[in-house]
Every structure is written in C-alpha cells, then in structure tokens.
N, C-alpha and C. Protein backbone atom coordinates (compact mmCIF):
# COMPACT_ATOMS: atom_id res chain seq x y z
N MET A 1 -78.96 243.75 38.72
CA MET A 1 -77.93 242.90 39.27
C MET A 1 -78.58 241.75 40.03
N ASN A 2 -77.81 240.70 40.11
CA ASN A 2 -78.29 239.49 40.75
C ASN A 2 -77.42 239.20 41.96
N TYR A 3 -77.98 239.34 43.16
CA TYR A 3 -77.22 239.07 44.39
C TYR A 3 -77.54 237.67 44.88
N LYS A 4 -76.50 236.90 45.12
CA LYS A 4 -76.70 235.53 45.60
C LYS A 4 -76.17 235.41 47.02
N GLY A 5 -76.60 236.22 47.88
CA GLY A 5 -76.14 236.20 49.26
C GLY A 5 -77.21 235.57 50.13
N LEU A 6 -77.49 236.21 51.24
CA LEU A 6 -78.50 235.72 52.16
C LEU A 6 -79.91 235.93 51.64
N THR A 7 -80.04 236.77 50.64
CA THR A 7 -81.38 237.05 50.12
C THR A 7 -81.89 235.92 49.25
N ASN A 8 -81.01 235.14 48.64
CA ASN A 8 -81.43 234.05 47.78
C ASN A 8 -81.61 232.80 48.62
N LYS A 9 -82.85 232.35 48.77
CA LYS A 9 -83.15 231.17 49.58
C LYS A 9 -83.53 230.03 48.65
N SER A 10 -82.53 229.39 48.14
CA SER A 10 -82.77 228.29 47.22
C SER A 10 -82.44 226.97 47.92
N ASP A 11 -83.24 225.96 47.64
CA ASP A 11 -83.02 224.65 48.24
C ASP A 11 -82.09 223.78 47.39
N LYS A 12 -81.66 224.29 46.28
CA LYS A 12 -80.80 223.52 45.39
C LYS A 12 -79.35 223.61 45.88
N ILE A 13 -78.69 222.46 45.89
CA ILE A 13 -77.28 222.41 46.27
C ILE A 13 -76.51 221.89 45.06
N GLU A 14 -75.57 222.67 44.61
CA GLU A 14 -74.78 222.27 43.46
C GLU A 14 -73.53 221.55 43.93
N ILE A 15 -73.29 220.37 43.34
CA ILE A 15 -72.11 219.57 43.66
C ILE A 15 -71.33 219.39 42.37
N SER A 16 -70.06 219.71 42.44
CA SER A 16 -69.25 219.51 41.24
C SER A 16 -68.89 218.04 41.12
N ASN A 17 -68.96 217.51 39.94
CA ASN A 17 -68.67 216.10 39.70
C ASN A 17 -67.26 215.89 39.18
N ASP A 18 -66.42 216.91 39.29
CA ASP A 18 -65.06 216.79 38.78
C ASP A 18 -64.23 215.81 39.60
N ILE A 19 -64.38 215.84 40.91
CA ILE A 19 -63.58 215.00 41.78
C ILE A 19 -64.51 214.07 42.53
N ASP A 20 -64.15 212.80 42.58
CA ASP A 20 -64.93 211.83 43.31
C ASP A 20 -64.89 212.18 44.80
N VAL A 21 -65.99 212.02 45.49
CA VAL A 21 -66.07 212.39 46.90
C VAL A 21 -65.09 211.57 47.74
N SER A 22 -64.87 210.31 47.38
CA SER A 22 -63.97 209.46 48.16
C SER A 22 -62.51 209.89 48.00
N LYS A 23 -62.19 210.61 46.95
CA LYS A 23 -60.82 211.03 46.72
C LYS A 23 -60.51 212.39 47.32
N LYS A 24 -61.53 213.09 47.80
CA LYS A 24 -61.30 214.40 48.39
C LYS A 24 -60.69 214.22 49.78
N PRO A 25 -59.74 215.03 50.14
CA PRO A 25 -59.19 214.92 51.49
C PRO A 25 -60.18 215.48 52.51
N LEU A 26 -60.15 214.92 53.71
CA LEU A 26 -61.06 215.40 54.75
C LEU A 26 -60.68 216.79 55.21
N ASN A 27 -59.39 217.05 55.29
CA ASN A 27 -58.92 218.35 55.73
C ASN A 27 -58.45 219.10 54.49
N SER A 28 -59.14 220.15 54.13
CA SER A 28 -58.80 220.85 52.90
C SER A 28 -57.66 221.84 53.08
N GLU A 29 -57.21 222.05 54.33
CA GLU A 29 -56.11 222.97 54.55
C GLU A 29 -54.80 222.37 54.07
N LYS A 30 -53.93 223.21 53.58
CA LYS A 30 -52.62 222.75 53.14
C LYS A 30 -51.77 222.42 54.35
N ILE A 31 -51.04 221.32 54.25
CA ILE A 31 -50.12 220.97 55.32
C ILE A 31 -48.81 221.67 55.03
N ASN A 32 -48.45 222.57 55.90
CA ASN A 32 -47.25 223.35 55.72
C ASN A 32 -46.13 222.71 56.53
N SER A 33 -45.20 222.09 55.83
CA SER A 33 -44.09 221.45 56.54
C SER A 33 -43.03 222.50 56.82
N GLY A 34 -42.86 222.77 58.07
CA GLY A 34 -41.88 223.76 58.49
C GLY A 34 -40.55 223.08 58.74
N ARG A 35 -39.67 223.80 59.34
CA ARG A 35 -38.36 223.25 59.66
C ARG A 35 -38.47 222.33 60.86
N VAL A 36 -37.58 221.36 60.89
CA VAL A 36 -37.54 220.40 61.98
C VAL A 36 -36.29 220.64 62.79
N ASP A 37 -36.45 220.65 64.11
CA ASP A 37 -35.32 220.85 65.00
C ASP A 37 -34.52 219.56 65.09
N ILE A 38 -33.24 219.61 64.78
CA ILE A 38 -32.40 218.42 64.77
C ILE A 38 -32.23 217.85 66.17
N ASN A 39 -32.30 218.69 67.20
CA ASN A 39 -32.16 218.19 68.57
C ASN A 39 -33.34 217.33 68.98
N VAL A 40 -34.52 217.66 68.49
CA VAL A 40 -35.70 216.85 68.78
C VAL A 40 -35.55 215.48 68.12
N LEU A 41 -35.10 215.47 66.89
CA LEU A 41 -34.90 214.20 66.20
C LEU A 41 -33.84 213.35 66.88
N LYS A 42 -32.75 213.99 67.33
CA LYS A 42 -31.69 213.26 68.03
C LYS A 42 -32.21 212.66 69.33
N SER A 43 -33.00 213.40 70.07
CA SER A 43 -33.51 212.89 71.34
C SER A 43 -34.46 211.72 71.12
N LYS A 44 -35.28 211.78 70.09
CA LYS A 44 -36.17 210.66 69.78
C LYS A 44 -35.37 209.43 69.38
N LEU A 45 -34.34 209.62 68.58
CA LEU A 45 -33.50 208.52 68.15
C LEU A 45 -32.77 207.90 69.33
N GLU A 46 -32.24 208.73 70.22
CA GLU A 46 -31.54 208.22 71.40
C GLU A 46 -32.48 207.46 72.31
N ALA A 47 -33.71 207.91 72.46
CA ALA A 47 -34.68 207.21 73.29
C ALA A 47 -35.01 205.84 72.70
N GLN A 48 -35.16 205.79 71.39
CA GLN A 48 -35.46 204.52 70.72
C GLN A 48 -34.28 203.57 70.84
N GLN A 49 -33.07 204.07 70.66
CA GLN A 49 -31.89 203.22 70.78
C GLN A 49 -31.70 202.75 72.22
N GLY A 50 -32.03 203.57 73.19
CA GLY A 50 -31.94 203.17 74.59
C GLY A 50 -32.88 202.02 74.91
N LYS A 51 -34.09 202.07 74.38
CA LYS A 51 -35.05 200.98 74.58
C LYS A 51 -34.54 199.69 73.95
N GLU A 52 -34.01 199.78 72.74
CA GLU A 52 -33.48 198.59 72.06
C GLU A 52 -32.28 198.03 72.81
N PHE A 53 -31.42 198.91 73.34
CA PHE A 53 -30.25 198.46 74.07
C PHE A 53 -30.65 197.71 75.34
N ARG A 54 -31.62 198.24 76.09
CA ARG A 54 -32.09 197.56 77.30
C ARG A 54 -32.70 196.21 76.98
N LYS A 55 -33.45 196.13 75.87
CA LYS A 55 -34.05 194.87 75.47
C LYS A 55 -32.96 193.86 75.11
N ASN A 56 -31.93 194.30 74.40
CA ASN A 56 -30.84 193.41 74.02
C ASN A 56 -30.05 192.94 75.24
N ILE A 57 -29.82 193.84 76.20
CA ILE A 57 -29.12 193.46 77.42
C ILE A 57 -29.93 192.43 78.20
N PHE A 58 -31.23 192.60 78.27
CA PHE A 58 -32.10 191.65 78.97
C PHE A 58 -32.03 190.28 78.31
N ILE A 59 -32.12 190.23 76.99
CA ILE A 59 -32.07 188.95 76.28
C ILE A 59 -30.71 188.29 76.46
N PHE A 60 -29.64 189.07 76.36
CA PHE A 60 -28.29 188.52 76.52
C PHE A 60 -28.08 187.98 77.93
N SER A 61 -28.51 188.72 78.95
CA SER A 61 -28.33 188.25 80.33
C SER A 61 -29.19 187.01 80.60
N PHE A 62 -30.37 186.93 80.02
CA PHE A 62 -31.21 185.74 80.17
C PHE A 62 -30.53 184.52 79.54
N CYS A 63 -29.94 184.69 78.36
CA CYS A 63 -29.25 183.58 77.70
C CYS A 63 -28.03 183.14 78.50
N VAL A 64 -27.27 184.08 79.02
CA VAL A 64 -26.09 183.73 79.83
C VAL A 64 -26.53 183.01 81.10
N LEU A 65 -27.56 183.48 81.76
CA LEU A 65 -28.08 182.83 82.96
C LEU A 65 -28.58 181.42 82.64
N LEU A 66 -29.27 181.26 81.55
CA LEU A 66 -29.78 179.96 81.14
C LEU A 66 -28.64 178.99 80.84
N LEU A 67 -27.64 179.45 80.09
CA LEU A 67 -26.50 178.58 79.77
C LEU A 67 -25.70 178.22 81.01
N SER A 68 -25.52 179.17 81.91
CA SER A 68 -24.77 178.86 83.13
C SER A 68 -25.54 177.89 84.02
N SER A 69 -26.85 178.04 84.10
CA SER A 69 -27.64 177.11 84.92
C SER A 69 -27.65 175.70 84.30
N ILE A 70 -27.70 175.61 82.99
CA ILE A 70 -27.62 174.30 82.33
C ILE A 70 -26.24 173.70 82.55
N GLY A 71 -25.19 174.49 82.45
CA GLY A 71 -23.83 174.01 82.69
C GLY A 71 -23.66 173.50 84.12
N ILE A 72 -24.18 174.22 85.09
CA ILE A 72 -24.08 173.78 86.50
C ILE A 72 -24.90 172.51 86.71
N PHE A 73 -26.07 172.41 86.13
CA PHE A 73 -26.90 171.23 86.26
C PHE A 73 -26.22 170.00 85.66
N LEU A 74 -25.61 170.16 84.48
CA LEU A 74 -24.96 169.02 83.83
C LEU A 74 -23.67 168.62 84.52
N SER A 75 -23.03 169.54 85.21
CA SER A 75 -21.76 169.20 85.87
C SER A 75 -21.99 168.46 87.19
N LEU A 76 -23.18 168.49 87.73
CA LEU A 76 -23.49 167.78 88.97
C LEU A 76 -23.74 166.39 88.65
C-alpha cells in the first residue's frame, strides 16, 4: 500500500489547471443565505427615509427663507 500522509515528504506541489487562479473565489465556503427579518428591513428603510425627509425639509426651508429675504429686500 501507498500512504500519502505525513510520511511522504515530497517537495512537489500539484496545481490543477482547470480553473484560472484569478477566477477562484477567495472564500471557498458557501454563502448560506438564511431568512431575513422583515422588522430589520423596515427599520433600515425608515431610517433612510427619515434622513431623506430631514434633508428635503432643510432644502425647502432654505429656499423659503431665501425667497422671503429677496422679497423683503426688493420691497424696500
């Protein structure tokens, strides 16, 4: 019998040429997509919408302030 365990001390390294090295994934483990909690997704969406709402309110209030200041300046 031929044992190829720790007893075989060969300096040869065999590399399969079937797959290009650049195409191999770095992480060979399978990504297991589990279930997603809908409440987590809702909270992320609400946080994103809250940020957009604050940004829109800021832009709208700046435009109203700018128009009112121009109106007051022109009326003097």
